[in-house]
């Protein structure tokens, strides 16, 4: 009889723990559902539609003018020239020299590359 009582108490404890876990899981699901409902109402609003139209689709309201700034060929060429100049003559350093340069700056006889 005592052994049976112990088994039933242990089983009851496991059932209670499982019920608490499931209760927490249900509460989390309700919170997630509330978040989704709030998101759905926001997405259905005119404010969201206007935000997407302006930011992603680049639309404008009547009377507004959309300006698109295009890069000039000279600017693109100068950036490309700077990139090739920087990679044309890489400075070869030992790992020790690289660390010293990082922490203490260039040594007096070393050229500074920018």
C-alpha atoms as a PDB file:
ATOM      1  CA  UNK A   1       0.000   0.000   0.000  1.00  0.00           C
ATOM      2  CA  UNK A   2       2.830   2.409   0.836  1.00  0.00           C
ATOM      3  CA  UNK A   3       4.662   1.467  -2.371  1.00  0.00           C
ATOM      4  CA  UNK A   4       1.509   2.060  -4.399  1.00  0.00           C
ATOM      5  CA  UNK A   5       1.075   5.466  -2.751  1.00  0.00           C
ATOM      6  CA  UNK A   6       4.663   6.387  -3.710  1.00  0.00           C
ATOM      7  CA  UNK A   7       4.081   5.372  -7.323  1.00  0.00           C
ATOM      8  CA  UNK A   8       0.879   7.349  -7.522  1.00  0.00           C
ATOM      9  CA  UNK A   9       2.537  10.391  -5.967  1.00  0.00           C
ATOM     10  CA  UNK A  10       5.400  10.209  -8.479  1.00  0.00           C
ATOM     11  CA  UNK A  11       2.966   9.795 -11.374  1.00  0.00           C
ATOM     12  CA  UNK A  12       0.875  12.694 -10.088  1.00  0.00           C
ATOM     13  CA  UNK A  13       4.018  14.849  -9.847  1.00  0.00           C
ATOM     14  CA  UNK A  14       4.967  14.030 -13.458  1.00  0.00           C
ATOM     15  CA  UNK A  15       1.448  14.813 -14.653  1.00  0.00           C
ATOM     16  CA  UNK A  16       1.471  18.148 -12.804  1.00  0.00           C
ATOM     17  CA  UNK A  17       4.850  19.103 -14.306  1.00  0.00           C
ATOM     18  CA  UNK A  18       3.629  18.201 -17.793  1.00  0.00           C
ATOM     19  CA  UNK A  19       0.443  20.218 -17.237  1.00  0.00           C
ATOM     20  CA  UNK A  20       2.512  23.249 -16.164  1.00  0.00           C
ATOM     21  CA  UNK A  21       4.769  22.897 -19.207  1.00  0.00           C
ATOM     22  CA  UNK A  22       1.804  22.651 -21.548  1.00  0.00           C
ATOM     23  CA  UNK A  23       0.155  25.621 -19.849  1.00  0.00           C
ATOM     24  CA  UNK A  24       3.272  27.710 -20.469  1.00  0.00           C
ATOM     25  CA  UNK A  25       3.386  26.521 -24.069  1.00  0.00           C
ATOM     26  CA  UNK A  26      -0.253  27.554 -24.571  1.00  0.00           C
ATOM     27  CA  UNK A  27       0.473  30.983 -23.074  1.00  0.00           C
ATOM     28  CA  UNK A  28       3.437  31.458 -25.428  1.00  0.00           C
ATOM     29  CA  UNK A  29       1.245  30.447 -28.366  1.00  0.00           C
ATOM     30  CA  UNK A  30      -1.377  33.012 -27.306  1.00  0.00           C
ATOM     31  CA  UNK A  31       1.265  35.742 -27.104  1.00  0.00           C
ATOM     32  CA  UNK A  32       2.583  34.768 -30.534  1.00  0.00           C
ATOM     33  CA  UNK A  33      -0.957  34.841 -31.916  1.00  0.00           C
ATOM     34  CA  UNK A  34      -1.509  38.320 -30.453  1.00  0.00           C
ATOM     35  CA  UNK A  35       1.722  39.505 -32.109  1.00  0.00           C
ATOM     36  CA  UNK A  36       0.637  38.028 -35.429  1.00  0.00           C
ATOM     37  CA  UNK A  37      -2.796  39.648 -35.193  1.00  0.00           C
ATOM     38  CA  UNK A  38      -1.198  43.019 -34.458  1.00  0.00           C
ATOM     39  CA  UNK A  39       1.161  42.557 -37.409  1.00  0.00           C
ATOM     40  CA  UNK A  40      -1.753  41.590 -39.664  1.00  0.00           C
ATOM     41  CA  UNK A  41      -3.712  44.700 -38.714  1.00  0.00           C
ATOM     42  CA  UNK A  42      -0.618  46.871 -39.327  1.00  0.00           C
ATOM     43  CA  UNK A  43       0.042  45.271 -42.716  1.00  0.00           C
ATOM     44  CA  UNK A  44      -3.589  45.867 -43.704  1.00  0.00           C
ATOM     45  CA  UNK A  45      -3.362  49.560 -42.790  1.00  0.00           C
ATOM     46  CA  UNK A  46      -2.870  52.429 -45.233  1.00  0.00           C
ATOM     47  CA  UNK A  47       0.245  53.474 -43.326  1.00  0.00           C
ATOM     48  CA  UNK A  48       1.999  50.198 -44.167  1.00  0.00           C
ATOM     49  CA  UNK A  49       0.906  50.321 -47.802  1.00  0.00           C
ATOM     50  CA  UNK A  50       2.308  53.840 -48.167  1.00  0.00           C
ATOM     51  CA  UNK A  51       5.552  52.858 -46.413  1.00  0.00           C
ATOM     52  CA  UNK A  52       6.125  49.905 -48.748  1.00  0.00           C
ATOM     53  CA  UNK A  53       5.185  51.955 -51.806  1.00  0.00           C
ATOM     54  CA  UNK A  54       7.662  54.694 -50.931  1.00  0.00           C
ATOM     55  CA  UNK A  55      10.594  52.644 -49.653  1.00  0.00           C
ATOM     56  CA  UNK A  56      10.539  49.460 -51.700  1.00  0.00           C
ATOM     57  CA  UNK A  57       8.654  50.421 -54.849  1.00  0.00           C
ATOM     58  CA  UNK A  58       9.939  54.026 -55.018  1.00  0.00           C
ATOM     59  CA  UNK A  59       6.466  55.402 -55.658  1.00  0.00           C
ATOM     60  CA  UNK A  60       5.441  58.980 -54.927  1.00  0.00           C
ATOM     61  CA  UNK A  61       2.189  60.617 -53.928  1.00  0.00           C
ATOM     62  CA  UNK A  62       0.429  62.867 -56.452  1.00  0.00           C
ATOM     63  CA  UNK A  63       2.282  66.175 -56.679  1.00  0.00           C
ATOM     64  CA  UNK A  64       5.596  64.735 -55.465  1.00  0.00           C
ATOM     65  CA  UNK A  65       8.670  64.181 -57.609  1.00  0.00           C
ATOM     66  CA  UNK A  66      11.007  61.230 -57.123  1.00  0.00           C
ATOM     67  CA  UNK A  67      14.684  62.026 -57.631  1.00  0.00           C
ATOM     68  CA  UNK A  68      17.063  59.230 -58.555  1.00  0.00           C
ATOM     69  CA  UNK A  69      20.727  60.205 -58.299  1.00  0.00           C
ATOM     70  CA  UNK A  70      22.838  58.295 -60.783  1.00  0.00           C
ATOM     71  CA  UNK A  71      26.624  58.004 -60.385  1.00  0.00           C
ATOM     72  CA  UNK A  72      28.631  59.934 -62.959  1.00  0.00           C
ATOM     73  CA  UNK A  73      31.120  58.046 -65.147  1.00  0.00           C
ATOM     74  CA  UNK A  74      33.974  60.172 -63.753  1.00  0.00           C
ATOM     75  CA  UNK A  75      33.141  59.219 -60.174  1.00  0.00           C
ATOM     76  CA  UNK A  76      32.957  55.529 -61.040  1.00  0.00           C
ATOM     77  CA  UNK A  77      36.285  55.715 -62.914  1.00  0.00           C
ATOM     78  CA  UNK A  78      38.050  57.513 -60.045  1.00  0.00           C
ATOM     79  CA  UNK A  79      36.839  54.951 -57.499  1.00  0.00           C
ATOM     80  CA  UNK A  80      38.010  52.114 -59.759  1.00  0.00           C
ATOM     81  CA  UNK A  81      41.407  53.801 -60.245  1.00  0.00           C
ATOM     82  CA  UNK A  82      41.844  54.225 -56.485  1.00  0.00           C
ATOM     83  CA  UNK A  83      40.977  50.574 -55.923  1.00  0.00           C
ATOM     84  CA  UNK A  84      43.495  49.347 -58.497  1.00  0.00           C
ATOM     85  CA  UNK A  85      46.189  51.716 -57.203  1.00  0.00           C
ATOM     86  CA  UNK A  86      45.713  50.422 -53.677  1.00  0.00           C
ATOM     87  CA  UNK A  87      46.030  46.804 -54.776  1.00  0.00           C
ATOM     88  CA  UNK A  88      48.798  47.357 -57.350  1.00  0.00           C
ATOM     89  CA  UNK A  89      51.625  47.686 -54.805  1.00  0.00           C
ATOM     90  CA  UNK A  90      50.677  45.870 -51.629  1.00  0.00           C
ATOM     91  CA  UNK A  91      52.971  46.336 -48.661  1.00  0.00           C
ATOM     92  CA  UNK A  92      54.475  43.003 -47.659  1.00  0.00           C
ATOM     93  CA  UNK A  93      55.033  42.709 -43.919  1.00  0.00           C
ATOM     94  CA  UNK A  94      55.821  39.934 -41.558  1.00  0.00           C
ATOM     95  CA  UNK A  95      53.125  39.208 -39.000  1.00  0.00           C
ATOM     96  CA  UNK A  96      55.275  40.831 -36.308  1.00  0.00           C
ATOM     97  CA  UNK A  97      55.641  44.010 -38.372  1.00  0.00           C
ATOM     98  CA  UNK A  98      51.895  44.077 -39.005  1.00  0.00           C
ATOM     99  CA  UNK A  99      51.145  43.834 -35.274  1.00  0.00           C
ATOM    100  CA  UNK A 100      53.685  46.511 -34.405  1.00  0.00           C
ATOM    101  CA  UNK A 101      52.241  48.773 -37.100  1.00  0.00           C
ATOM    102  CA  UNK A 102      48.727  48.144 -35.795  1.00  0.00           C
ATOM    103  CA  UNK A 103      49.544  48.989 -32.178  1.00  0.00           C
ATOM    104  CA  UNK A 104      52.325  51.565 -32.459  1.00  0.00           C
ATOM    105  CA  UNK A 105      51.994  53.029 -35.963  1.00  0.00           C
ATOM    106  CA  UNK A 106      54.546  52.873 -38.767  1.00  0.00           C
ATOM    107  CA  UNK A 107      58.213  52.649 -37.920  1.00  0.00           C
ATOM    108  CA  UNK A 108      60.337  55.743 -38.775  1.00  0.00           C
ATOM    109  CA  UNK A 109      61.799  54.225 -41.953  1.00  0.00           C
ATOM    110  CA  UNK A 110      58.506  52.785 -43.209  1.00  0.00           C
ATOM    111  CA  UNK A 111      56.338  54.614 -45.751  1.00  0.00           C
ATOM    112  CA  UNK A 112      52.751  55.291 -44.793  1.00  0.00           C
ATOM    113  CA  UNK A 113      50.227  53.923 -47.275  1.00  0.00           C
ATOM    114  CA  UNK A 114      46.764  55.409 -47.458  1.00  0.00           C
END
